[in-house]
Full PDB file with SEQRES, HELIX, SHEET, SSBOND, CRYST1, ORIGX, SCALE, CONECT and MASTER records, all heavy atoms in Angstrom:
SEQRES   1 A   39  GLN SER ILE TRP GLY LYS TYR ILE VAL MET MET ASP PRO          
SEQRES   2 A   39  LEU ASP GLY SER SER ASN ILE ASP VAL ASN VAL SER ILE          
SEQRES   3 A   39  GLY THR ILE PHE SER ILE TYR ARG ARG LYS SER LYS PRO          
HELIX    1 AA1 SER A    2  TRP A    4  5                                   3    
HELIX    2 AA2 SER A   17  VAL A   22  5                                   6    
SHEET    1 AA1 2 TYR A   7  ASP A  15  0                                        
SHEET    2 AA1 2 GLY A  27  ARG A  34 -1                                        
CRYST1    1.000    1.000    1.000  90.00  90.00  90.00 P 1           1          
ORIGX1      1.000000  0.000000  0.000000        0.00000                         
ORIGX2      0.000000  1.000000  0.000000        0.00000                         
ORIGX3      0.000000  0.000000  1.000000        0.00000                         
SCALE1      1.000000  0.000000  0.000000        0.00000                         
SCALE2      0.000000  1.000000  0.000000        0.00000                         
SCALE3      0.000000  0.000000  1.000000        0.00000                         
ATOM      1  N   GLN A   1     -19.682  30.482 250.214  1.00  0.00           N  
ATOM      2  CA  GLN A   1     -18.381  31.113 250.049  1.00  0.00           C  
ATOM      3  C   GLN A   1     -18.260  31.855 248.732  1.00  0.00           C  
ATOM      4  O   GLN A   1     -17.371  32.698 248.572  1.00  0.00           O  
ATOM      5  CB  GLN A   1     -17.268  30.063 250.132  1.00  0.00           C  
ATOM      6  CG  GLN A   1     -16.979  29.580 251.544  1.00  0.00           C  
ATOM      7  CD  GLN A   1     -16.419  30.699 252.412  1.00  0.00           C  
ATOM      8  OE1 GLN A   1     -17.050  31.138 253.371  1.00  0.00           O  
ATOM      9  NE2 GLN A   1     -15.253  31.189 252.047  1.00  0.00           N  
ATOM     10  N   SER A   2     -19.140  31.564 247.773  1.00  0.00           N  
ATOM     11  CA  SER A   2     -19.013  32.157 246.448  1.00  0.00           C  
ATOM     12  C   SER A   2     -19.099  33.684 246.470  1.00  0.00           C  
ATOM     13  O   SER A   2     -18.494  34.354 245.632  1.00  0.00           O  
ATOM     14  CB  SER A   2     -20.079  31.594 245.503  1.00  0.00           C  
ATOM     15  OG  SER A   2     -19.854  30.222 245.262  1.00  0.00           O  
ATOM     16  N   ILE A   3     -19.838  34.251 247.418  1.00  0.00           N  
ATOM     17  CA  ILE A   3     -19.939  35.712 247.452  1.00  0.00           C  
ATOM     18  C   ILE A   3     -18.610  36.351 247.856  1.00  0.00           C  
ATOM     19  O   ILE A   3     -18.420  37.549 247.688  1.00  0.00           O  
ATOM     20  CB  ILE A   3     -21.062  36.195 248.395  1.00  0.00           C  
ATOM     21  CG1 ILE A   3     -20.787  35.785 249.845  1.00  0.00           C  
ATOM     22  CG2 ILE A   3     -22.418  35.687 247.925  1.00  0.00           C  
ATOM     23  CD1 ILE A   3     -21.767  36.405 250.826  1.00  0.00           C  
ATOM     24  N   TRP A   4     -17.692  35.522 248.366  1.00  0.00           N  
ATOM     25  CA  TRP A   4     -16.358  36.012 248.700  1.00  0.00           C  
ATOM     26  C   TRP A   4     -15.390  35.793 247.533  1.00  0.00           C  
ATOM     27  O   TRP A   4     -14.218  36.165 247.619  1.00  0.00           O  
ATOM     28  CB  TRP A   4     -15.827  35.332 249.954  1.00  0.00           C  
ATOM     29  CG  TRP A   4     -16.603  35.704 251.177  1.00  0.00           C  
ATOM     30  CD1 TRP A   4     -17.642  35.027 251.735  1.00  0.00           C  
ATOM     31  CD2 TRP A   4     -16.409  36.863 251.985  1.00  0.00           C  
ATOM     32  NE1 TRP A   4     -18.124  35.695 252.837  1.00  0.00           N  
ATOM     33  CE2 TRP A   4     -17.378  36.834 253.022  1.00  0.00           C  
ATOM     34  CE3 TRP A   4     -15.516  37.944 251.943  1.00  0.00           C  
ATOM     35  CZ2 TRP A   4     -17.466  37.820 253.993  1.00  0.00           C  
ATOM     36  CZ3 TRP A   4     -15.607  38.923 252.912  1.00  0.00           C  
ATOM     37  CH2 TRP A   4     -16.577  38.856 253.925  1.00  0.00           C  
ATOM     38  N   GLY A   5     -15.866  35.159 246.480  1.00  0.00           N  
ATOM     39  CA  GLY A   5     -15.011  34.906 245.325  1.00  0.00           C  
ATOM     40  C   GLY A   5     -14.458  36.195 244.742  1.00  0.00           C  
ATOM     41  O   GLY A   5     -15.152  37.209 244.672  1.00  0.00           O  
ATOM     42  N   LYS A   6     -13.216  36.158 244.308  1.00  0.00           N  
ATOM     43  CA  LYS A   6     -12.542  37.347 243.789  1.00  0.00           C  
ATOM     44  C   LYS A   6     -12.680  37.526 242.283  1.00  0.00           C  
ATOM     45  O   LYS A   6     -12.265  38.548 241.740  1.00  0.00           O  
ATOM     46  CB  LYS A   6     -11.051  37.290 244.150  1.00  0.00           C  
ATOM     47  CG  LYS A   6     -10.747  37.296 245.641  1.00  0.00           C  
ATOM     48  CD  LYS A   6      -9.254  37.208 245.870  1.00  0.00           C  
ATOM     49  CE  LYS A   6      -8.920  37.197 247.357  1.00  0.00           C  
ATOM     50  NZ  LYS A   6      -7.452  37.089 247.580  1.00  0.00           N  
ATOM     51  N   TYR A   7     -13.251  36.530 241.617  1.00  0.00           N  
ATOM     52  CA  TYR A   7     -13.246  36.552 240.161  1.00  0.00           C  
ATOM     53  C   TYR A   7     -14.646  36.433 239.567  1.00  0.00           C  
ATOM     54  O   TYR A   7     -15.556  35.907 240.187  1.00  0.00           O  
ATOM     55  CB  TYR A   7     -12.391  35.400 239.628  1.00  0.00           C  
ATOM     56  CG  TYR A   7     -10.956  35.460 240.081  1.00  0.00           C  
ATOM     57  CD1 TYR A   7     -10.535  34.730 241.195  1.00  0.00           C  
ATOM     58  CD2 TYR A   7     -10.024  36.252 239.432  1.00  0.00           C  
ATOM     59  CE1 TYR A   7      -9.226  34.796 241.638  1.00  0.00           C  
ATOM     60  CE2 TYR A   7      -8.710  36.311 239.868  1.00  0.00           C  
ATOM     61  CZ  TYR A   7      -8.317  35.586 240.965  1.00  0.00           C  
ATOM     62  OH  TYR A   7      -7.020  35.640 241.405  1.00  0.00           O  
ATOM     63  N   ILE A   8     -14.755  36.921 238.330  1.00  0.00           N  
ATOM     64  CA  ILE A   8     -15.944  36.657 237.526  1.00  0.00           C  
ATOM     65  C   ILE A   8     -15.460  36.048 236.211  1.00  0.00           C  
ATOM     66  O   ILE A   8     -14.331  36.303 235.782  1.00  0.00           O  
ATOM     67  CB  ILE A   8     -16.820  37.915 237.293  1.00  0.00           C  
ATOM     68  CG1 ILE A   8     -16.099  38.922 236.398  1.00  0.00           C  
ATOM     69  CG2 ILE A   8     -17.221  38.538 238.592  1.00  0.00           C  
ATOM     70  CD1 ILE A   8     -16.564  38.895 234.974  1.00  0.00           C  
ATOM     71  N   VAL A   9     -16.309  35.239 235.602  1.00  0.00           N  
ATOM     72  CA  VAL A   9     -15.967  34.570 234.348  1.00  0.00           C  
ATOM     73  C   VAL A   9     -16.994  34.928 233.287  1.00  0.00           C  
ATOM     74  O   VAL A   9     -18.200  34.902 233.540  1.00  0.00           O  
ATOM     75  CB  VAL A   9     -15.915  33.035 234.533  1.00  0.00           C  
ATOM     76  CG1 VAL A   9     -15.747  32.334 233.181  1.00  0.00           C  
ATOM     77  CG2 VAL A   9     -14.783  32.644 235.476  1.00  0.00           C  
ATOM     78  N   MET A  10     -16.514  35.256 232.101  1.00  0.00           N  
ATOM     79  CA  MET A  10     -17.362  35.470 230.935  1.00  0.00           C  
ATOM     80  C   MET A  10     -17.086  34.319 229.979  1.00  0.00           C  
ATOM     81  O   MET A  10     -15.925  33.920 229.801  1.00  0.00           O  
ATOM     82  CB  MET A  10     -17.038  36.800 230.259  1.00  0.00           C  
ATOM     83  CG  MET A  10     -17.078  38.001 231.194  1.00  0.00           C  
ATOM     84  SD  MET A  10     -18.723  38.385 231.805  1.00  0.00           S  
ATOM     85  CE  MET A  10     -19.458  39.129 230.354  1.00  0.00           C  
ATOM     86  N   MET A  11     -18.136  33.779 229.331  1.00  0.00           N  
ATOM     87  CA  MET A  11     -17.884  32.607 228.488  1.00  0.00           C  
ATOM     88  C   MET A  11     -18.901  32.440 227.366  1.00  0.00           C  
ATOM     89  O   MET A  11     -20.056  32.870 227.460  1.00  0.00           O  
ATOM     90  CB  MET A  11     -17.874  31.344 229.344  1.00  0.00           C  
ATOM     91  CG  MET A  11     -19.211  31.023 229.984  1.00  0.00           C  
ATOM     92  SD  MET A  11     -19.154  29.502 230.945  1.00  0.00           S  
ATOM     93  CE  MET A  11     -20.866  29.389 231.493  1.00  0.00           C  
ATOM     94  N   ASP A  12     -18.409  31.827 226.305  1.00  0.00           N  
ATOM     95  CA  ASP A  12     -19.250  31.254 225.259  1.00  0.00           C  
ATOM     96  C   ASP A  12     -19.074  29.754 225.431  1.00  0.00           C  
ATOM     97  O   ASP A  12     -18.053  29.196 225.033  1.00  0.00           O  
ATOM     98  CB  ASP A  12     -18.777  31.702 223.872  1.00  0.00           C  
ATOM     99  CG  ASP A  12     -19.637  31.129 222.757  1.00  0.00           C  
ATOM    100  OD1 ASP A  12     -20.480  30.256 223.044  1.00  0.00           O  
ATOM    101  OD2 ASP A  12     -19.455  31.532 221.592  1.00  0.00           O  
ATOM    102  N   PRO A  13     -20.020  29.073 226.066  1.00  0.00           N  
ATOM    103  CA  PRO A  13     -19.818  27.672 226.446  1.00  0.00           C  
ATOM    104  C   PRO A  13     -19.587  26.734 225.276  1.00  0.00           C  
ATOM    105  O   PRO A  13     -18.862  25.755 225.402  1.00  0.00           O  
ATOM    106  CB  PRO A  13     -21.100  27.290 227.188  1.00  0.00           C  
ATOM    107  CG  PRO A  13     -21.950  28.484 227.241  1.00  0.00           C  
ATOM    108  CD  PRO A  13     -21.312  29.600 226.500  1.00  0.00           C  
ATOM    109  N   LEU A  14     -20.191  27.035 224.118  1.00  0.00           N  
ATOM    110  CA  LEU A  14     -19.990  26.160 222.960  1.00  0.00           C  
ATOM    111  C   LEU A  14     -20.086  26.982 221.681  1.00  0.00           C  
ATOM    112  O   LEU A  14     -21.150  27.107 221.081  1.00  0.00           O  
ATOM    113  CB  LEU A  14     -20.990  25.008 222.946  1.00  0.00           C  
ATOM    114  CG  LEU A  14     -20.489  23.724 222.268  1.00  0.00           C  
ATOM    115  CD1 LEU A  14     -19.237  23.188 222.938  1.00  0.00           C  
ATOM    116  CD2 LEU A  14     -21.565  22.660 222.281  1.00  0.00           C  
ATOM    117  N   ASP A  15     -18.961  27.527 221.284  1.00  0.00           N  
ATOM    118  CA  ASP A  15     -18.891  28.328 220.062  1.00  0.00           C  
ATOM    119  C   ASP A  15     -18.962  27.429 218.834  1.00  0.00           C  
ATOM    120  O   ASP A  15     -18.371  26.352 218.796  1.00  0.00           O  
ATOM    121  CB  ASP A  15     -17.566  29.106 220.047  1.00  0.00           C  
ATOM    122  CG  ASP A  15     -17.351  29.847 218.747  1.00  0.00           C  
ATOM    123  OD1 ASP A  15     -17.980  30.895 218.569  1.00  0.00           O  
ATOM    124  OD2 ASP A  15     -16.568  29.353 217.904  1.00  0.00           O  
ATOM    125  N   GLY A  16     -19.709  27.880 217.820  1.00  0.00           N  
ATOM    126  CA  GLY A  16     -19.825  27.110 216.584  1.00  0.00           C  
ATOM    127  C   GLY A  16     -20.763  25.932 216.687  1.00  0.00           C  
ATOM    128  O   GLY A  16     -20.661  24.968 215.921  1.00  0.00           O  
ATOM    129  N   SER A  17     -21.704  25.997 217.622  1.00  0.00           N  
ATOM    130  CA  SER A  17     -22.550  24.830 217.912  1.00  0.00           C  
ATOM    131  C   SER A  17     -23.446  24.425 216.743  1.00  0.00           C  
ATOM    132  O   SER A  17     -23.919  23.295 216.690  1.00  0.00           O  
ATOM    133  CB  SER A  17     -23.414  25.090 219.148  1.00  0.00           C  
ATOM    134  OG  SER A  17     -24.206  26.251 218.975  1.00  0.00           O  
ATOM    135  N   SER A  18     -23.656  25.315 215.772  1.00  0.00           N  
ATOM    136  CA  SER A  18     -24.445  24.939 214.608  1.00  0.00           C  
ATOM    137  C   SER A  18     -23.734  23.879 213.770  1.00  0.00           C  
ATOM    138  O   SER A  18     -24.336  23.238 212.904  1.00  0.00           O  
ATOM    139  CB  SER A  18     -24.752  26.166 213.737  1.00  0.00           C  
ATOM    140  OG  SER A  18     -23.553  26.745 213.256  1.00  0.00           O  
ATOM    141  N   ASN A  19     -22.438  23.692 214.036  1.00  0.00           N  
ATOM    142  CA  ASN A  19     -21.648  22.699 213.297  1.00  0.00           C  
ATOM    143  C   ASN A  19     -21.594  21.333 213.989  1.00  0.00           C  
ATOM    144  O   ASN A  19     -20.948  20.411 213.480  1.00  0.00           O  
ATOM    145  CB  ASN A  19     -20.213  23.207 213.109  1.00  0.00           C  
ATOM    146  CG  ASN A  19     -20.131  24.363 212.128  1.00  0.00           C  
ATOM    147  OD1 ASN A  19     -20.721  24.320 211.067  1.00  0.00           O  
ATOM    148  ND2 ASN A  19     -19.391  25.392 212.503  1.00  0.00           N  
ATOM    149  N   ILE A  20     -22.257  21.207 215.137  1.00  0.00           N  
ATOM    150  CA  ILE A  20     -22.194  19.960 215.893  1.00  0.00           C  
ATOM    151  C   ILE A  20     -22.632  18.769 215.057  1.00  0.00           C  
ATOM    152  O   ILE A  20     -21.953  17.737 214.989  1.00  0.00           O  
ATOM    153  CB  ILE A  20     -23.071  20.051 217.160  1.00  0.00           C  
ATOM    154  CG1 ILE A  20     -22.485  21.056 218.157  1.00  0.00           C  
ATOM    155  CG2 ILE A  20     -23.205  18.677 217.828  1.00  0.00           C  
ATOM    156  CD1 ILE A  20     -23.425  21.390 219.298  1.00  0.00           C  
ATOM    157  N   ASP A  21     -23.769  18.919 214.400  1.00  0.00           N  
ATOM    158  CA  ASP A  21     -24.368  17.785 213.687  1.00  0.00           C  
ATOM    159  C   ASP A  21     -23.589  17.358 212.448  1.00  0.00           C  
ATOM    160  O   ASP A  21     -23.845  16.283 211.897  1.00  0.00           O  
ATOM    161  CB  ASP A  21     -25.807  18.117 213.288  1.00  0.00           C  
ATOM    162  CG  ASP A  21     -26.716  18.249 214.493  1.00  0.00           C  
ATOM    163  OD1 ASP A  21     -26.251  17.991 215.616  1.00  0.00           O  
ATOM    164  OD2 ASP A  21     -27.891  18.619 214.316  1.00  0.00           O  
ATOM    165  N   VAL A  22     -22.636  18.186 211.996  1.00  0.00           N  
ATOM    166  CA  VAL A  22     -21.865  17.831 210.797  1.00  0.00           C  
ATOM    167  C   VAL A  22     -20.390  17.575 211.130  1.00  0.00           C  
ATOM    168  O   VAL A  22     -19.541  17.530 210.245  1.00  0.00           O  
ATOM    169  CB  VAL A  22     -21.994  18.922 209.703  1.00  0.00           C  
ATOM    170  CG1 VAL A  22     -23.408  18.974 209.189  1.00  0.00           C  
ATOM    171  CG2 VAL A  22     -21.572  20.293 210.234  1.00  0.00           C  
ATOM    172  N   ASN A  23     -20.099  17.416 212.430  1.00  0.00           N  
ATOM    173  CA  ASN A  23     -18.772  16.975 212.879  1.00  0.00           C  
ATOM    174  C   ASN A  23     -17.642  17.943 212.528  1.00  0.00           C  
ATOM    175  O   ASN A  23     -16.543  17.531 212.171  1.00  0.00           O  
ATOM    176  CB  ASN A  23     -18.456  15.584 212.311  1.00  0.00           C  
ATOM    177  CG  ASN A  23     -17.455  14.830 213.170  1.00  0.00           C  
ATOM    178  OD1 ASN A  23     -17.287  15.129 214.344  1.00  0.00           O  
ATOM    179  ND2 ASN A  23     -16.773  13.860 212.580  1.00  0.00           N  
ATOM    180  N   VAL A  24     -17.934  19.253 212.620  1.00  0.00           N  
ATOM    181  CA  VAL A  24     -16.918  20.280 212.424  1.00  0.00           C  
ATOM    182  C   VAL A  24     -16.442  20.753 213.787  1.00  0.00           C  
ATOM    183  O   VAL A  24     -17.210  20.778 214.753  1.00  0.00           O  
ATOM    184  CB  VAL A  24     -17.498  21.459 211.606  1.00  0.00           C  
ATOM    185  CG1 VAL A  24     -16.531  22.633 211.578  1.00  0.00           C  
ATOM    186  CG2 VAL A  24     -17.822  21.006 210.190  1.00  0.00           C  
ATOM    187  N   SER A  25     -15.176  21.124 213.882  1.00  0.00           N  
ATOM    188  CA  SER A  25     -14.601  21.545 215.160  1.00  0.00           C  
ATOM    189  C   SER A  25     -15.393  22.687 215.789  1.00  0.00           C  
ATOM    190  O   SER A  25     -15.785  23.642 215.110  1.00  0.00           O  
ATOM    191  CB  SER A  25     -13.150  21.989 214.958  1.00  0.00           C  
ATOM    192  OG  SER A  25     -12.353  20.918 214.521  1.00  0.00           O  
ATOM    193  N   ILE A  26     -15.621  22.583 217.090  1.00  0.00           N  
ATOM    194  CA  ILE A  26     -16.309  23.607 217.865  1.00  0.00           C  
ATOM    195  C   ILE A  26     -15.465  23.908 219.101  1.00  0.00           C  
ATOM    196  O   ILE A  26     -14.399  23.313 219.287  1.00  0.00           O  
ATOM    197  CB  ILE A  26     -17.724  23.145 218.279  1.00  0.00           C  
ATOM    198  CG1 ILE A  26     -17.652  21.787 218.995  1.00  0.00           C  
ATOM    199  CG2 ILE A  26     -18.618  23.051 217.050  1.00  0.00           C  
ATOM    200  CD1 ILE A  26     -18.996  21.246 219.420  1.00  0.00           C  
ATOM    201  N   GLY A  27     -15.902  24.820 219.954  1.00  0.00           N  
ATOM    202  CA  GLY A  27     -15.052  25.155 221.091  1.00  0.00           C  
ATOM    203  C   GLY A  27     -15.757  25.879 222.215  1.00  0.00           C  
ATOM    204  O   GLY A  27     -16.936  26.231 222.112  1.00  0.00           O  
ATOM    205  N   THR A  28     -15.026  26.105 223.278  1.00  0.00           N  
ATOM    206  CA  THR A  28     -15.464  26.883 224.435  1.00  0.00           C  
ATOM    207  C   THR A  28     -14.504  28.054 224.591  1.00  0.00           C  
ATOM    208  O   THR A  28     -13.288  27.868 224.519  1.00  0.00           O  
ATOM    209  CB  THR A  28     -15.429  26.028 225.715  1.00  0.00           C  
ATOM    210  OG1 THR A  28     -16.341  24.934 225.594  1.00  0.00           O  
ATOM    211  CG2 THR A  28     -15.789  26.860 226.944  1.00  0.00           C  
ATOM    212  N   ILE A  29     -15.037  29.259 224.781  1.00  0.00           N  
ATOM    213  CA  ILE A  29     -14.209  30.459 224.969  1.00  0.00           C  
ATOM    214  C   ILE A  29     -14.495  31.033 226.355  1.00  0.00           C  
ATOM    215  O   ILE A  29     -15.650  31.111 226.759  1.00  0.00           O  
ATOM    216  CB  ILE A  29     -14.521  31.523 223.898  1.00  0.00           C  
ATOM    217  CG1 ILE A  29     -14.408  30.931 222.490  1.00  0.00           C  
ATOM    218  CG2 ILE A  29     -13.577  32.712 224.040  1.00  0.00           C  
ATOM    219  CD1 ILE A  29     -14.867  31.886 221.388  1.00  0.00           C  
ATOM    220  N   PHE A  30     -13.447  31.431 227.067  1.00  0.00           N  
ATOM    221  CA  PHE A  30     -13.650  31.977 228.409  1.00  0.00           C  
ATOM    222  C   PHE A  30     -12.677  33.117 228.695  1.00  0.00           C  
ATOM    223  O   PHE A  30     -11.599  33.219 228.098  1.00  0.00           O  
ATOM    224  CB  PHE A  30     -13.481  30.878 229.472  1.00  0.00           C  
ATOM    225  CG  PHE A  30     -12.089  30.309 229.555  1.00  0.00           C  
ATOM    226  CD1 PHE A  30     -11.134  30.860 230.392  1.00  0.00           C  
ATOM    227  CD2 PHE A  30     -11.736  29.198 228.785  1.00  0.00           C  
ATOM    228  CE1 PHE A  30      -9.845  30.333 230.468  1.00  0.00           C  
ATOM    229  CE2 PHE A  30     -10.456  28.657 228.847  1.00  0.00           C  
ATOM    230  CZ  PHE A  30      -9.501  29.230 229.699  1.00  0.00           C  
ATOM    231  N   SER A  31     -13.082  33.976 229.609  1.00  0.00           N  
ATOM    232  CA  SER A  31     -12.202  35.043 230.105  1.00  0.00           C  
ATOM    233  C   SER A  31     -12.466  35.249 231.587  1.00  0.00           C  
ATOM    234  O   SER A  31     -13.571  35.008 232.069  1.00  0.00           O  
ATOM    235  CB  SER A  31     -12.417  36.347 229.325  1.00  0.00           C  
ATOM    236  OG  SER A  31     -13.776  36.733 229.351  1.00  0.00           O  
ATOM    237  N   ILE A  32     -11.432  35.684 232.291  1.00  0.00           N  
ATOM    238  CA  ILE A  32     -11.484  35.823 233.748  1.00  0.00           C  
ATOM    239  C   ILE A  32     -11.061  37.233 234.153  1.00  0.00           C  
ATOM    240  O   ILE A  32     -10.027  37.735 233.705  1.00  0.00           O  
ATOM    241  CB  ILE A  32     -10.544  34.790 234.423  1.00  0.00           C  
ATOM    242  CG1 ILE A  32     -10.927  33.364 233.999  1.00  0.00           C  
ATOM    243  CG2 ILE A  32     -10.590  34.928 235.944  1.00  0.00           C  
ATOM    244  CD1 ILE A  32      -9.907  32.308 234.431  1.00  0.00           C  
ATOM    245  N   TYR A  33     -11.889  37.857 234.985  1.00  0.00           N  
ATOM    246  CA  TYR A  33     -11.597  39.195 235.522  1.00  0.00           C  
ATOM    247  C   TYR A  33     -11.590  39.149 237.048  1.00  0.00           C  
ATOM    248  O   TYR A  33     -12.241  38.308 237.654  1.00  0.00           O  
ATOM    249  CB  TYR A  33     -12.676  40.198 235.111  1.00  0.00           C  
ATOM    250  CG  TYR A  33     -12.775  40.510 233.645  1.00  0.00           C  
ATOM    251  CD1 TYR A  33     -13.548  39.717 232.801  1.00  0.00           C  
ATOM    252  CD2 TYR A  33     -12.133  41.614 233.103  1.00  0.00           C  
ATOM    253  CE1 TYR A  33     -13.667  40.024 231.453  1.00  0.00           C  
ATOM    254  CE2 TYR A  33     -12.247  41.931 231.755  1.00  0.00           C  
ATOM    255  CZ  TYR A  33     -13.011  41.132 230.940  1.00  0.00           C  
ATOM    256  OH  TYR A  33     -13.137  41.427 229.603  1.00  0.00           O  
ATOM    257  N   ARG A  34     -10.895  40.111 237.660  1.00  0.00           N  
ATOM    258  CA  ARG A  34     -11.071  40.331 239.080  1.00  0.00           C  
ATOM    259  C   ARG A  34     -12.313  41.195 239.275  1.00  0.00           C  
ATOM    260  O   ARG A  34     -12.557  42.126 238.509  1.00  0.00           O  
ATOM    261  CB  ARG A  34      -9.871  41.061 239.676  1.00  0.00           C  
ATOM    262  CG  ARG A  34      -8.650  40.179 239.906  1.00  0.00           C  
ATOM    263  CD  ARG A  34      -7.729  40.883 240.902  1.00  0.00           C  
ATOM    264  NE  ARG A  34      -6.337  41.020 240.631  1.00  0.00           N  
ATOM    265  CZ  ARG A  34      -5.703  41.196 239.487  1.00  0.00           C  
ATOM    266  NH1 ARG A  34      -6.325  41.239 238.418  1.00  0.00           N  
ATOM    267  NH2 ARG A  34      -4.459  41.340 239.381  1.00  0.00           N  
ATOM    268  N   ARG A  35     -13.084  40.879 240.275  1.00  0.00           N  
ATOM    269  CA  ARG A  35     -14.298  41.650 240.534  1.00  0.00           C  
ATOM    270  C   ARG A  35     -13.960  43.074 240.939  1.00  0.00           C  
ATOM    271  O   ARG A  35     -12.893  43.338 241.537  1.00  0.00           O  
ATOM    272  CB  ARG A  35     -15.151  40.969 241.604  1.00  0.00           C  
ATOM    273  CG  ARG A  35     -14.550  41.018 242.996  1.00  0.00           C  
ATOM    274  CD  ARG A  35     -15.372  40.241 244.012  1.00  0.00           C  
ATOM    275  NE  ARG A  35     -16.734  40.752 244.147  1.00  0.00           N  
ATOM    276  CZ  ARG A  35     -17.676  40.181 244.884  1.00  0.00           C  
ATOM    277  NH1 ARG A  35     -17.408  39.058 245.561  1.00  0.00           N  
ATOM    278  NH2 ARG A  35     -18.881  40.706 244.974  1.00  0.00           N  
ATOM    279  N   LYS A  36     -14.863  44.004 240.693  1.00  0.00           N  
ATOM    280  CA  LYS A  36     -14.715  45.397 241.106  1.00  0.00           C  
ATOM    281  C   LYS A  36     -15.422  45.659 242.432  1.00  0.00           C  
ATOM    282  O   LYS A  36     -14.995  46.499 243.221  1.00  0.00           O  
ATOM    283  CB  LYS A  36     -15.296  46.320 240.029  1.00  0.00           C  
ATOM    284  CG  LYS A  36     -14.569  46.273 238.697  1.00  0.00           C  
ATOM    285  CD  LYS A  36     -13.198  46.901 238.786  1.00  0.00           C  
ATOM    286  CE  LYS A  36     -12.557  47.002 237.406  1.00  0.00           C  
ATOM    287  NZ  LYS A  36     -11.203  47.579 237.449  1.00  0.00           N  
ATOM    288  N   SER A  37     -16.523  44.956 242.665  1.00  0.00           N  
ATOM    289  CA  SER A  37     -17.298  45.148 243.890  1.00  0.00           C  
ATOM    290  C   SER A  37     -16.582  44.505 245.082  1.00  0.00           C  
ATOM    291  O   SER A  37     -15.636  43.732 244.920  1.00  0.00           O  
ATOM    292  CB  SER A  37     -18.696  44.557 243.733  1.00  0.00           C  
ATOM    293  OG  SER A  37     -18.626  43.172 243.428  1.00  0.00           O  
ATOM    294  N   LYS A  38     -17.062  44.793 246.253  1.00  0.00           N  
ATOM    295  CA  LYS A  38     -16.424  44.329 247.479  1.00  0.00           C  
ATOM    296  C   LYS A  38     -16.718  42.844 247.723  1.00  0.00           C  
ATOM    297  O   LYS A  38     -17.871  42.413 247.695  1.00  0.00           O  
ATOM    298  CB  LYS A  38     -16.928  45.152 248.670  1.00  0.00           C  
ATOM    299  CG  LYS A  38     -16.251  44.809 249.996  1.00  0.00           C  
ATOM    300  CD  LYS A  38     -16.793  45.701 251.099  1.00  0.00           C  
ATOM    301  CE  LYS A  38     -16.147  45.357 252.428  1.00  0.00           C  
ATOM    302  NZ  LYS A  38     -16.678  46.211 253.525  1.00  0.00           N  
ATOM    303  N   PRO A  39     -15.679  42.014 247.961  1.00  0.00           N  
ATOM    304  CA  PRO A  39     -15.912  40.602 248.306  1.00  0.00           C  
ATOM    305  C   PRO A  39     -16.810  40.485 249.529  1.00  0.00           C  
ATOM    306  O   PRO A  39     -16.702  41.268 250.479  1.00  0.00           O  
ATOM    307  CB  PRO A  39     -14.500  40.082 248.595  1.00  0.00           C  
ATOM    308  CG  PRO A  39     -13.598  40.959 247.790  1.00  0.00           C  
ATOM    309  CD  PRO A  39     -14.232  42.322 247.848  1.00  0.00           C  
TER     310      PRO A  39                                                      
MASTER        0    0    0    2    2    0    0    6  309    1    0    3          
END                                                                             
């Protein structure tokens, strides 16, 4: 069913990951678009 999906997602799954080992805040960034191609 995924080829019928209407959306695409762009993401940085773990921003600031170089700070993991020193316990500094990190995060996930995402954005959602409607696809341009035909479902």
